[in-house]
Amino acid sequence: MSEIAKPKNPEDDWKVWLVLNPAVWLMPILFAVLIIALVLHAVVFQMGFGWA
């Protein structure tokens, strides 16, 4: 087996974005967080803990 070069941090930290492309995962995660926040607020207001 070939040896895998160990990363030289922090010089190689930028390379993680070659694998984790924010254009793919950032917006779906933000939309999911928005939906969770809206549902949570709806439940809390339904329980009567909203503004008087």
PDB file of N, CA and C in Angstrom:
ATOM      1  N   MET A   1       0.839  -1.198   0.000  1.00  0.00           N
ATOM      2  CA  MET A   1       0.000   0.000   0.000  1.00  0.00           C
ATOM      3  C   MET A   1       0.870   1.242   0.000  1.00  0.00           C
ATOM      4  N   SER A   2       0.350   2.256  -0.660  1.00  0.00           N
ATOM      5  CA  SER A   2       1.093   3.508  -0.690  1.00  0.00           C
ATOM      6  C   SER A   2       0.815   4.307   0.579  1.00  0.00           C
ATOM      7  N   GLU A   3       1.802   5.041   0.953  1.00  0.00           N
ATOM      8  CA  GLU A   3       1.670   5.881   2.136  1.00  0.00           C
ATOM      9  C   GLU A   3       0.904   7.148   1.781  1.00  0.00           C
ATOM     10  N   ILE A   4       0.009   7.527   2.658  1.00  0.00           N
ATOM     11  CA  ILE A   4      -0.759   8.766   2.477  1.00  0.00           C
ATOM     12  C   ILE A   4      -0.045   9.859   3.245  1.00  0.00           C
ATOM     13  N   ALA A   5       0.197  10.966   2.554  1.00  0.00           N
ATOM     14  CA  ALA A   5       0.900  12.070   3.195  1.00  0.00           C
ATOM     15  C   ALA A   5       0.021  12.686   4.273  1.00  0.00           C
ATOM     16  N   LYS A   6       0.604  12.930   5.430  1.00  0.00           N
ATOM     17  CA  LYS A   6      -0.133  13.567   6.508  1.00  0.00           C
ATOM     18  C   LYS A   6      -0.269  15.060   6.207  1.00  0.00           C
ATOM     19  N   PRO A   7      -1.414  15.650   6.536  1.00  0.00           N
ATOM     20  CA  PRO A   7      -1.598  17.075   6.256  1.00  0.00           C
ATOM     21  C   PRO A   7      -0.719  17.939   7.139  1.00  0.00           C
ATOM     22  N   LYS A   8      -0.308  19.051   6.578  1.00  0.00           N
ATOM     23  CA  LYS A   8       0.451  20.043   7.330  1.00  0.00           C
ATOM     24  C   LYS A   8      -0.513  21.152   7.730  1.00  0.00           C
ATOM     25  N   ASN A   9      -1.001  21.075   8.932  1.00  0.00           N
ATOM     26  CA  ASN A   9      -1.956  22.089   9.399  1.00  0.00           C
ATOM     27  C   ASN A   9      -1.201  23.304   9.897  1.00  0.00           C
ATOM     28  N   PRO A  10      -1.672  24.490   9.709  1.00  0.00           N
ATOM     29  CA  PRO A  10      -2.896  24.900   9.033  1.00  0.00           C
ATOM     30  C   PRO A  10      -2.718  25.161   7.525  1.00  0.00           C
ATOM     31  N   GLU A  11      -1.560  24.850   6.971  1.00  0.00           N
ATOM     32  CA  GLU A  11      -1.328  25.155   5.552  1.00  0.00           C
ATOM     33  C   GLU A  11      -2.278  24.388   4.638  1.00  0.00           C
ATOM     34  N   ASP A  12      -2.694  23.186   5.031  1.00  0.00           N
ATOM     35  CA  ASP A  12      -3.541  22.354   4.182  1.00  0.00           C
ATOM     36  C   ASP A  12      -5.020  22.418   4.544  1.00  0.00           C
ATOM     37  N   ASP A  13      -5.413  23.318   5.432  1.00  0.00           N
ATOM     38  CA  ASP A  13      -6.807  23.382   5.860  1.00  0.00           C
ATOM     39  C   ASP A  13      -7.763  23.747   4.729  1.00  0.00           C
ATOM     40  N   TRP A  14      -7.312  24.493   3.749  1.00  0.00           N
ATOM     41  CA  TRP A  14      -8.182  24.911   2.645  1.00  0.00           C
ATOM     42  C   TRP A  14      -8.635  23.722   1.807  1.00  0.00           C
ATOM     43  N   LYS A  15      -7.906  22.614   1.848  1.00  0.00           N
ATOM     44  CA  LYS A  15      -8.217  21.464   1.001  1.00  0.00           C
ATOM     45  C   LYS A  15      -9.507  20.761   1.410  1.00  0.00           C
ATOM     46  N   VAL A  16      -9.967  20.961   2.639  1.00  0.00           N
ATOM     47  CA  VAL A  16     -11.210  20.323   3.064  1.00  0.00           C
ATOM     48  C   VAL A  16     -12.379  20.827   2.230  1.00  0.00           C
ATOM     49  N   TRP A  17     -12.287  22.075   1.737  1.00  0.00           N
ATOM     50  CA  TRP A  17     -13.395  22.627   0.943  1.00  0.00           C
ATOM     51  C   TRP A  17     -13.434  22.049  -0.461  1.00  0.00           C
ATOM     52  N   LEU A  18     -12.394  21.327  -0.869  1.00  0.00           N
ATOM     53  CA  LEU A  18     -12.456  20.615  -2.141  1.00  0.00           C
ATOM     54  C   LEU A  18     -13.383  19.401  -2.038  1.00  0.00           C
ATOM     55  N   VAL A  19     -13.534  18.877  -0.821  1.00  0.00           N
ATOM     56  CA  VAL A  19     -14.400  17.717  -0.590  1.00  0.00           C
ATOM     57  C   VAL A  19     -15.769  18.171  -0.091  1.00  0.00           C
ATOM     58  N   LEU A  20     -15.781  19.083   0.872  1.00  0.00           N
ATOM     59  CA  LEU A  20     -17.027  19.587   1.449  1.00  0.00           C
ATOM     60  C   LEU A  20     -17.401  20.894   0.771  1.00  0.00           C
ATOM     61  N   ASN A  21     -17.999  20.794  -0.384  1.00  0.00           N
ATOM     62  CA  ASN A  21     -18.331  21.978  -1.171  1.00  0.00           C
ATOM     63  C   ASN A  21     -19.565  22.662  -0.573  1.00  0.00           C
ATOM     64  N   PRO A  22     -19.426  23.890  -0.069  1.00  0.00           N
ATOM     65  CA  PRO A  22     -20.560  24.587   0.532  1.00  0.00           C
ATOM     66  C   PRO A  22     -21.699  24.844  -0.457  1.00  0.00           C
ATOM     67  N   ALA A  23     -21.412  24.896  -1.742  1.00  0.00           N
ATOM     68  CA  ALA A  23     -22.466  25.104  -2.732  1.00  0.00           C
ATOM     69  C   ALA A  23     -23.444  23.944  -2.750  1.00  0.00           C
ATOM     70  N   VAL A  24     -23.027  22.796  -2.242  1.00  0.00           N
ATOM     71  CA  VAL A  24     -23.888  21.611  -2.243  1.00  0.00           C
ATOM     72  C   VAL A  24     -24.671  21.502  -0.939  1.00  0.00           C
ATOM     73  N   TRP A  25     -24.026  21.709   0.191  1.00  0.00           N
ATOM     74  CA  TRP A  25     -24.661  21.395   1.468  1.00  0.00           C
ATOM     75  C   TRP A  25     -25.114  22.590   2.282  1.00  0.00           C
ATOM     76  N   LEU A  26     -24.637  23.795   2.002  1.00  0.00           N
ATOM     77  CA  LEU A  26     -24.920  24.930   2.882  1.00  0.00           C
ATOM     78  C   LEU A  26     -26.394  25.337   2.847  1.00  0.00           C
ATOM     79  N   MET A  27     -26.968  25.529   1.668  1.00  0.00           N
ATOM     80  CA  MET A  27     -28.358  25.971   1.586  1.00  0.00           C
ATOM     81  C   MET A  27     -29.344  24.926   2.112  1.00  0.00           C
ATOM     82  N   PRO A  28     -29.200  23.637   1.790  1.00  0.00           N
ATOM     83  CA  PRO A  28     -30.133  22.665   2.399  1.00  0.00           C
ATOM     84  C   PRO A  28     -30.072  22.648   3.926  1.00  0.00           C
ATOM     85  N   ILE A  29     -28.887  22.793   4.487  1.00  0.00           N
ATOM     86  CA  ILE A  29     -28.776  22.820   5.945  1.00  0.00           C
ATOM     87  C   ILE A  29     -29.446  24.071   6.507  1.00  0.00           C
ATOM     88  N   LEU A  30     -29.238  25.220   5.862  1.00  0.00           N
ATOM     89  CA  LEU A  30     -29.866  26.449   6.343  1.00  0.00           C
ATOM     90  C   LEU A  30     -31.381  26.389   6.225  1.00  0.00           C
ATOM     91  N   PHE A  31     -31.889  25.811   5.145  1.00  0.00           N
ATOM     92  CA  PHE A  31     -33.342  25.654   5.008  1.00  0.00           C
ATOM     93  C   PHE A  31     -33.887  24.709   6.075  1.00  0.00           C
ATOM     94  N   ALA A  32     -33.167  23.647   6.378  1.00  0.00           N
ATOM     95  CA  ALA A  32     -33.601  22.723   7.426  1.00  0.00           C
ATOM     96  C   ALA A  32     -33.620  23.415   8.785  1.00  0.00           C
ATOM     97  N   VAL A  33     -32.623  24.233   9.061  1.00  0.00           N
ATOM     98  CA  VAL A  33     -32.581  24.979  10.322  1.00  0.00           C
ATOM     99  C   VAL A  33     -33.745  25.966  10.381  1.00  0.00           C
ATOM    100  N   LEU A  34     -34.056  26.618   9.266  1.00  0.00           N
ATOM    101  CA  LEU A  34     -35.186  27.547   9.226  1.00  0.00           C
ATOM    102  C   LEU A  34     -36.501  26.821   9.510  1.00  0.00           C
ATOM    103  N   ILE A  35     -36.703  25.675   8.897  1.00  0.00           N
ATOM    104  CA  ILE A  35     -37.934  24.915   9.115  1.00  0.00           C
ATOM    105  C   ILE A  35     -38.044  24.459  10.567  1.00  0.00           C
ATOM    106  N   ILE A  36     -36.936  23.995  11.135  1.00  0.00           N
ATOM    107  CA  ILE A  36     -36.944  23.568  12.538  1.00  0.00           C
ATOM    108  C   ILE A  36     -37.284  24.750  13.445  1.00  0.00           C
ATOM    109  N   ALA A  37     -36.711  25.915  13.172  1.00  0.00           N
ATOM    110  CA  ALA A  37     -36.986  27.098  13.992  1.00  0.00           C
ATOM    111  C   ALA A  37     -38.450  27.518  13.879  1.00  0.00           C
ATOM    112  N   LEU A  38     -39.005  27.483  12.676  1.00  0.00           N
ATOM    113  CA  LEU A  38     -40.411  27.864  12.502  1.00  0.00           C
ATOM    114  C   LEU A  38     -41.344  26.889  13.215  1.00  0.00           C
ATOM    115  N   VAL A  39     -41.073  25.607  13.107  1.00  0.00           N
ATOM    116  CA  VAL A  39     -41.904  24.615  13.789  1.00  0.00           C
ATOM    117  C   VAL A  39     -41.785  24.765  15.298  1.00  0.00           C
ATOM    118  N   LEU A  40     -40.578  24.979  15.784  1.00  0.00           N
ATOM    119  CA  LEU A  40     -40.375  25.154  17.219  1.00  0.00           C
ATOM    120  C   LEU A  40     -41.132  26.377  17.731  1.00  0.00           C
ATOM    121  N   HIS A  41     -41.054  27.491  17.011  1.00  0.00           N
ATOM    122  CA  HIS A  41     -41.786  28.685  17.423  1.00  0.00           C
ATOM    123  C   HIS A  41     -43.287  28.443  17.386  1.00  0.00           C
ATOM    124  N   ALA A  42     -43.778  27.755  16.367  1.00  0.00           N
ATOM    125  CA  ALA A  42     -45.209  27.467  16.281  1.00  0.00           C
ATOM    126  C   ALA A  42     -45.663  26.630  17.470  1.00  0.00           C
ATOM    127  N   VAL A  43     -44.877  25.636  17.852  1.00  0.00           N
ATOM    128  CA  VAL A  43     -45.243  24.789  18.996  1.00  0.00           C
ATOM    129  C   VAL A  43     -45.227  25.595  20.285  1.00  0.00           C
ATOM    130  N   VAL A  44     -44.219  26.412  20.466  1.00  0.00           N
ATOM    131  CA  VAL A  44     -44.115  27.200  21.703  1.00  0.00           C
ATOM    132  C   VAL A  44     -45.270  28.193  21.795  1.00  0.00           C
ATOM    133  N   PHE A  45     -45.621  28.852  20.695  1.00  0.00           N
ATOM    134  CA  PHE A  45     -46.746  29.781  20.725  1.00  0.00           C
ATOM    135  C   PHE A  45     -48.064  29.046  20.913  1.00  0.00           C
ATOM    136  N   GLN A  46     -48.190  27.856  20.375  1.00  0.00           N
ATOM    137  CA  GLN A  46     -49.407  27.056  20.542  1.00  0.00           C
ATOM    138  C   GLN A  46     -49.589  26.659  22.010  1.00  0.00           C
ATOM    139  N   MET A  47     -48.493  26.455  22.717  1.00  0.00           N
ATOM    140  CA  MET A  47     -48.559  26.069  24.126  1.00  0.00           C
ATOM    141  C   MET A  47     -48.871  27.261  25.021  1.00  0.00           C
ATOM    142  N   GLY A  48     -48.854  28.458  24.490  1.00  0.00           N
ATOM    143  CA  GLY A  48     -49.198  29.639  25.285  1.00  0.00           C
ATOM    144  C   GLY A  48     -48.017  30.352  25.890  1.00  0.00           C
ATOM    145  N   PHE A  49     -46.821  30.055  25.436  1.00  0.00           N
ATOM    146  CA  PHE A  49     -45.635  30.711  25.978  1.00  0.00           C
ATOM    147  C   PHE A  49     -45.190  31.906  25.148  1.00  0.00           C
ATOM    148  N   GLY A  50     -46.038  32.385  24.256  1.00  0.00           N
ATOM    149  CA  GLY A  50     -45.693  33.527  23.401  1.00  0.00           C
ATOM    150  C   GLY A  50     -45.882  34.840  24.134  1.00  0.00           C
ATOM    151  N   TRP A  51     -45.880  35.904  23.358  1.00  0.00           N
ATOM    152  CA  TRP A  51     -46.080  37.220  23.946  1.00  0.00           C
ATOM    153  C   TRP A  51     -47.523  37.390  24.377  1.00  0.00           C
ATOM    154  N   ALA A  52     -47.709  38.154  25.439  1.00  0.00           N
ATOM    155  CA  ALA A  52     -49.066  38.360  25.962  1.00  0.00           C
ATOM    156  C   ALA A  52     -49.766  39.497  25.244  1.00  0.00           C
TER     157      ALA A  52
END
